[in-house]
Amino acid sequence: MVELRVNSGALTDRFVSQHPEFAALATRPDKRHAAYRALFEEQMDEALLEAIRDATNSGYPLASEEFKNRAIAPLGWKTGPGKPGPRGNSDPDPEFGKRVSTLTPNLVF
């Protein structure tokens, strides 16, 4: 929380360094502090805040469906939760099970 007070101009702390994005807000310190405080004057839309929380808590990207489909899904990354229930048998290599069973000892049940 010290950084917030330093960036807003309410506190001076020689152990807090400026982030380049903060420094880019303005060239003069008084203008930079005012620009930083202005970032927090308007409340965020509740729907957007909820979307940010959902994406953060679930680990899925916060992006439009078009962007997810065109840029993220082709990489093989999950873009959202899957369907509930058991997964289908989508093993791409049907021989995999046979190879694994040959590596395990023969157990009698």
N, C-alpha and C. Protein backbone atom coordinates (compact mmCIF):
# COMPACT_ATOMS: atom_id res chain seq x y z
N MET A 1 0.81 -1.19 0.00
CA MET A 1 0.00 0.00 0.00
C MET A 1 0.85 1.26 0.00
N VAL A 2 2.10 1.12 0.37
CA VAL A 2 3.00 2.27 0.38
C VAL A 2 3.12 2.84 -1.03
N GLU A 3 3.19 1.93 -2.04
CA GLU A 3 3.34 2.38 -3.42
C GLU A 3 2.19 3.28 -3.84
N LEU A 4 0.98 2.94 -3.41
CA LEU A 4 -0.18 3.76 -3.77
C LEU A 4 -0.04 5.17 -3.24
N ARG A 5 0.40 5.29 -2.01
CA ARG A 5 0.57 6.62 -1.41
C ARG A 5 1.72 7.38 -2.06
N VAL A 6 2.78 6.67 -2.41
CA VAL A 6 3.91 7.33 -3.08
C VAL A 6 3.49 7.79 -4.46
N ASN A 7 2.84 6.93 -5.21
CA ASN A 7 2.42 7.28 -6.57
C ASN A 7 1.40 8.41 -6.59
N SER A 8 0.58 8.50 -5.55
CA SER A 8 -0.42 9.57 -5.51
C SER A 8 0.16 10.89 -5.03
N GLY A 9 1.39 10.86 -4.51
CA GLY A 9 2.02 12.07 -4.03
C GLY A 9 1.79 12.32 -2.55
N ALA A 10 1.10 11.42 -1.86
CA ALA A 10 0.79 11.61 -0.45
C ALA A 10 1.96 11.24 0.46
N LEU A 11 2.95 10.53 -0.07
CA LEU A 11 4.06 10.05 0.76
C LEU A 11 5.33 10.03 -0.09
N THR A 12 6.46 10.29 0.54
CA THR A 12 7.75 10.16 -0.12
C THR A 12 8.50 9.02 0.57
N ASP A 13 9.03 8.11 -0.24
CA ASP A 13 9.75 6.97 0.30
C ASP A 13 10.91 6.66 -0.64
N ARG A 14 12.12 6.79 -0.16
CA ARG A 14 13.30 6.59 -1.02
C ARG A 14 13.49 5.13 -1.42
N PHE A 15 12.78 4.21 -0.77
CA PHE A 15 12.90 2.79 -1.11
C PHE A 15 11.93 2.34 -2.19
N VAL A 16 11.03 3.22 -2.60
CA VAL A 16 10.07 2.89 -3.66
C VAL A 16 10.53 3.55 -4.95
N SER A 17 10.74 2.72 -5.97
CA SER A 17 11.17 3.26 -7.27
C SER A 17 9.98 3.33 -8.21
N GLN A 18 10.09 4.23 -9.16
CA GLN A 18 8.99 4.43 -10.11
C GLN A 18 9.00 3.34 -11.18
N HIS A 19 7.83 2.83 -11.46
CA HIS A 19 7.65 1.91 -12.57
C HIS A 19 7.65 2.74 -13.86
N PRO A 20 8.20 2.23 -14.95
CA PRO A 20 8.22 3.01 -16.20
C PRO A 20 6.83 3.47 -16.66
N GLU A 21 5.80 2.65 -16.42
CA GLU A 21 4.44 3.05 -16.81
C GLU A 21 3.97 4.25 -15.99
N PHE A 22 4.33 4.27 -14.72
CA PHE A 22 3.97 5.40 -13.86
C PHE A 22 4.73 6.65 -14.31
N ALA A 23 6.00 6.50 -14.58
CA ALA A 23 6.82 7.63 -15.01
C ALA A 23 6.32 8.20 -16.34
N ALA A 24 5.71 7.35 -17.17
CA ALA A 24 5.22 7.81 -18.48
C ALA A 24 3.93 8.62 -18.39
N LEU A 25 3.31 8.68 -17.21
CA LEU A 25 2.06 9.44 -17.08
C LEU A 25 2.27 10.93 -17.32
N ALA A 26 3.40 11.47 -16.92
CA ALA A 26 3.69 12.89 -17.13
C ALA A 26 5.17 13.13 -16.81
N THR A 27 5.69 14.26 -17.30
CA THR A 27 7.10 14.56 -17.06
C THR A 27 7.31 15.24 -15.71
N ARG A 28 6.36 16.06 -15.29
CA ARG A 28 6.48 16.74 -14.01
C ARG A 28 5.86 15.91 -12.90
N PRO A 29 6.50 15.82 -11.72
CA PRO A 29 5.98 15.01 -10.62
C PRO A 29 4.56 15.40 -10.20
N ASP A 30 4.24 16.68 -10.11
CA ASP A 30 2.89 17.07 -9.68
C ASP A 30 1.84 16.62 -10.69
N LYS A 31 2.16 16.73 -11.98
CA LYS A 31 1.23 16.28 -13.03
C LYS A 31 1.11 14.75 -13.03
N ARG A 32 2.22 14.07 -12.78
CA ARG A 32 2.23 12.60 -12.74
C ARG A 32 1.38 12.10 -11.58
N HIS A 33 1.51 12.72 -10.40
CA HIS A 33 0.71 12.32 -9.24
C HIS A 33 -0.78 12.58 -9.48
N ALA A 34 -1.09 13.71 -10.11
CA ALA A 34 -2.49 14.03 -10.41
C ALA A 34 -3.06 13.04 -11.42
N ALA A 35 -2.28 12.67 -12.42
CA ALA A 35 -2.74 11.70 -13.43
C ALA A 35 -2.98 10.34 -12.78
N TYR A 36 -2.13 9.96 -11.85
CA TYR A 36 -2.29 8.69 -11.15
C TYR A 36 -3.56 8.69 -10.31
N ARG A 37 -3.79 9.77 -9.57
CA ARG A 37 -5.01 9.86 -8.75
C ARG A 37 -6.26 9.83 -9.62
N ALA A 38 -6.18 10.41 -10.82
CA ALA A 38 -7.33 10.44 -11.73
C ALA A 38 -7.72 9.04 -12.20
N LEU A 39 -6.77 8.12 -12.20
CA LEU A 39 -7.06 6.74 -12.61
C LEU A 39 -8.09 6.07 -11.70
N PHE A 40 -8.21 6.57 -10.46
CA PHE A 40 -9.07 5.93 -9.48
C PHE A 40 -10.31 6.73 -9.14
N GLU A 41 -10.54 7.83 -9.85
CA GLU A 41 -11.69 8.68 -9.55
C GLU A 41 -13.01 8.06 -10.00
N GLU A 42 -12.99 7.34 -11.08
CA GLU A 42 -14.21 6.74 -11.63
C GLU A 42 -14.30 5.28 -11.22
N GLN A 43 -15.48 4.88 -10.75
CA GLN A 43 -15.66 3.49 -10.36
C GLN A 43 -15.77 2.60 -11.60
N MET A 44 -15.23 1.40 -11.46
CA MET A 44 -15.27 0.45 -12.55
C MET A 44 -16.68 -0.14 -12.66
N ASP A 45 -17.12 -0.39 -13.87
CA ASP A 45 -18.41 -1.02 -14.14
C ASP A 45 -18.47 -2.37 -13.43
N GLU A 46 -19.56 -2.66 -12.75
CA GLU A 46 -19.69 -3.89 -11.96
C GLU A 46 -19.56 -5.14 -12.83
N ALA A 47 -20.09 -5.12 -14.04
CA ALA A 47 -19.99 -6.29 -14.92
C ALA A 47 -18.55 -6.54 -15.33
N LEU A 48 -17.81 -5.48 -15.62
CA LEU A 48 -16.40 -5.63 -15.98
C LEU A 48 -15.60 -6.13 -14.78
N LEU A 49 -15.87 -5.60 -13.62
CA LEU A 49 -15.18 -6.04 -12.41
C LEU A 49 -15.43 -7.53 -12.16
N GLU A 50 -16.66 -7.96 -12.34
CA GLU A 50 -17.00 -9.38 -12.16
C GLU A 50 -16.28 -10.25 -13.19
N ALA A 51 -16.19 -9.77 -14.44
CA ALA A 51 -15.49 -10.53 -15.49
C ALA A 51 -14.01 -10.66 -15.17
N ILE A 52 -13.41 -9.59 -14.65
CA ILE A 52 -12.00 -9.63 -14.27
C ILE A 52 -11.79 -10.62 -13.13
N ARG A 53 -12.68 -10.58 -12.15
CA ARG A 53 -12.57 -11.52 -11.02
C ARG A 53 -12.72 -12.96 -11.48
N ASP A 54 -13.71 -13.22 -12.34
CA ASP A 54 -13.92 -14.58 -12.84
C ASP A 54 -12.70 -15.09 -13.60
N ALA A 55 -12.16 -14.25 -14.48
CA ALA A 55 -10.99 -14.66 -15.26
C ALA A 55 -9.79 -14.91 -14.36
N THR A 56 -9.61 -14.06 -13.37
CA THR A 56 -8.48 -14.21 -12.45
C THR A 56 -8.62 -15.47 -11.62
N ASN A 57 -9.80 -15.71 -11.08
CA ASN A 57 -10.02 -16.87 -10.21
C ASN A 57 -10.03 -18.19 -10.96
N SER A 58 -10.47 -18.18 -12.23
CA SER A 58 -10.55 -19.42 -12.98
C SER A 58 -9.29 -19.73 -13.78
N GLY A 59 -8.49 -18.71 -14.05
CA GLY A 59 -7.28 -18.92 -14.83
C GLY A 59 -7.52 -18.90 -16.33
N TYR A 60 -8.70 -18.52 -16.76
CA TYR A 60 -8.99 -18.43 -18.18
C TYR A 60 -8.83 -17.00 -18.66
N PRO A 61 -8.53 -16.81 -19.94
CA PRO A 61 -8.26 -15.46 -20.43
C PRO A 61 -9.51 -14.58 -20.44
N LEU A 62 -9.30 -13.30 -20.21
CA LEU A 62 -10.36 -12.31 -20.32
C LEU A 62 -10.22 -11.70 -21.71
N ALA A 63 -11.00 -12.20 -22.64
CA ALA A 63 -10.91 -11.78 -24.03
C ALA A 63 -12.25 -12.02 -24.71
N SER A 64 -12.43 -11.39 -25.85
CA SER A 64 -13.67 -11.61 -26.61
C SER A 64 -13.67 -13.03 -27.15
N GLU A 65 -14.86 -13.55 -27.44
CA GLU A 65 -14.96 -14.91 -27.98
C GLU A 65 -14.23 -15.01 -29.31
N GLU A 66 -14.30 -13.96 -30.12
CA GLU A 66 -13.60 -13.97 -31.42
C GLU A 66 -12.09 -14.11 -31.21
N PHE A 67 -11.55 -13.33 -30.29
CA PHE A 67 -10.11 -13.41 -30.03
C PHE A 67 -9.73 -14.78 -29.48
N LYS A 68 -10.54 -15.31 -28.57
CA LYS A 68 -10.27 -16.64 -28.03
C LYS A 68 -10.22 -17.68 -29.15
N ASN A 69 -11.20 -17.62 -30.04
CA ASN A 69 -11.30 -18.61 -31.12
C ASN A 69 -10.20 -18.46 -32.16
N ARG A 70 -9.81 -17.22 -32.45
CA ARG A 70 -8.83 -16.99 -33.51
C ARG A 70 -7.39 -17.03 -33.04
N ALA A 71 -7.13 -16.63 -31.81
CA ALA A 71 -5.74 -16.50 -31.38
C ALA A 71 -5.33 -17.47 -30.27
N ILE A 72 -6.23 -17.78 -29.36
CA ILE A 72 -5.83 -18.57 -28.20
C ILE A 72 -6.09 -20.06 -28.41
N ALA A 73 -7.29 -20.41 -28.87
CA ALA A 73 -7.64 -21.83 -29.06
C ALA A 73 -6.71 -22.55 -30.03
N PRO A 74 -6.28 -21.92 -31.15
CA PRO A 74 -5.36 -22.63 -32.05
C PRO A 74 -4.03 -23.02 -31.41
N LEU A 75 -3.68 -22.36 -30.32
CA LEU A 75 -2.45 -22.72 -29.60
C LEU A 75 -2.64 -23.94 -28.72
N GLY A 76 -3.90 -24.39 -28.60
CA GLY A 76 -4.20 -25.55 -27.76
C GLY A 76 -4.48 -25.18 -26.32
N TRP A 77 -4.59 -23.90 -26.03
CA TRP A 77 -4.87 -23.45 -24.67
C TRP A 77 -6.36 -23.47 -24.42
N LYS A 78 -6.75 -23.77 -23.19
CA LYS A 78 -8.16 -23.73 -22.84
C LYS A 78 -8.61 -22.27 -22.74
N THR A 79 -9.79 -22.01 -23.25
CA THR A 79 -10.30 -20.64 -23.21
C THR A 79 -11.46 -20.49 -22.25
N GLY A 80 -11.87 -21.57 -21.64
CA GLY A 80 -12.97 -21.53 -20.69
C GLY A 80 -13.21 -22.91 -20.13
N PRO A 81 -14.08 -23.00 -19.16
CA PRO A 81 -14.36 -24.31 -18.57
C PRO A 81 -15.01 -25.24 -19.58
N GLY A 82 -14.72 -26.52 -19.46
CA GLY A 82 -15.33 -27.51 -20.34
C GLY A 82 -16.71 -27.90 -19.87
N LYS A 83 -17.31 -28.82 -20.59
CA LYS A 83 -18.64 -29.30 -20.22
C LYS A 83 -18.53 -30.16 -18.96
N PRO A 84 -19.49 -30.06 -18.07
CA PRO A 84 -19.44 -30.90 -16.88
C PRO A 84 -19.71 -32.36 -17.23
N GLY A 85 -19.22 -33.24 -16.39
CA GLY A 85 -19.44 -34.67 -16.60
C GLY A 85 -18.18 -35.38 -17.01
N PRO A 86 -18.28 -36.70 -17.19
CA PRO A 86 -17.09 -37.47 -17.56
C PRO A 86 -16.62 -37.13 -18.97
N ARG A 87 -15.33 -37.23 -19.16
CA ARG A 87 -14.75 -36.96 -20.47
C ARG A 87 -14.98 -38.17 -21.38
N GLY A 88 -15.11 -37.90 -22.64
CA GLY A 88 -15.22 -38.98 -23.62
C GLY A 88 -13.87 -39.61 -23.85
N ASN A 89 -13.84 -40.73 -24.52
CA ASN A 89 -12.58 -41.40 -24.83
C ASN A 89 -11.98 -40.73 -26.04
N SER A 90 -11.14 -39.74 -25.78
CA SER A 90 -10.53 -39.00 -26.88
C SER A 90 -9.03 -39.23 -26.93
N ASP A 91 -8.59 -40.43 -26.54
CA ASP A 91 -7.17 -40.76 -26.57
C ASP A 91 -6.70 -40.74 -28.01
N PRO A 92 -5.76 -39.84 -28.37
CA PRO A 92 -5.32 -39.75 -29.76
C PRO A 92 -4.49 -40.95 -30.20
N ASP A 93 -3.97 -41.71 -29.25
CA ASP A 93 -3.13 -42.85 -29.58
C ASP A 93 -3.70 -44.10 -28.92
N PRO A 94 -4.48 -44.91 -29.64
CA PRO A 94 -5.08 -46.09 -29.03
C PRO A 94 -4.05 -47.11 -28.58
N GLU A 95 -2.83 -47.06 -29.10
CA GLU A 95 -1.78 -48.00 -28.71
C GLU A 95 -1.13 -47.60 -27.38
N PHE A 96 -1.41 -46.38 -26.90
CA PHE A 96 -0.77 -45.89 -25.68
C PHE A 96 -1.06 -46.81 -24.50
N GLY A 97 -2.31 -47.19 -24.33
CA GLY A 97 -2.67 -48.06 -23.21
C GLY A 97 -1.94 -49.39 -23.26
N LYS A 98 -1.78 -49.92 -24.44
CA LYS A 98 -1.08 -51.21 -24.59
C LYS A 98 0.39 -51.06 -24.21
N ARG A 99 1.02 -49.94 -24.65
CA ARG A 99 2.43 -49.74 -24.34
C ARG A 99 2.64 -49.53 -22.84
N VAL A 100 1.75 -48.81 -22.19
CA VAL A 100 1.88 -48.58 -20.77
C VAL A 100 1.72 -49.87 -20.00
N SER A 101 0.77 -50.72 -20.41
CA SER A 101 0.55 -51.97 -19.69
C SER A 101 1.74 -52.89 -19.79
N THR A 102 2.54 -52.78 -20.83
CA THR A 102 3.72 -53.64 -20.95
C THR A 102 4.84 -53.15 -20.03
N LEU A 103 4.77 -51.89 -19.58
CA LEU A 103 5.80 -51.35 -18.70
C LEU A 103 5.51 -51.65 -17.23
N THR A 104 4.29 -52.04 -16.93
CA THR A 104 3.93 -52.32 -15.53
C THR A 104 4.06 -53.80 -15.26
N PRO A 105 4.39 -54.17 -14.02
CA PRO A 105 4.51 -55.60 -13.71
C PRO A 105 3.14 -56.28 -13.79
N ASN A 106 3.18 -57.55 -14.07
CA ASN A 106 1.95 -58.33 -14.13
C ASN A 106 1.46 -58.57 -12.72
N LEU A 107 0.37 -57.97 -12.39
CA LEU A 107 -0.20 -58.13 -11.07
C LEU A 107 -1.44 -59.01 -11.18
N VAL A 108 -1.61 -59.87 -10.21
CA VAL A 108 -2.80 -60.74 -10.19
C VAL A 108 -3.78 -60.15 -9.19
N PHE A 109 -4.96 -59.93 -9.63
CA PHE A 109 -6.01 -59.36 -8.78
C PHE A 109 -7.05 -60.40 -8.47
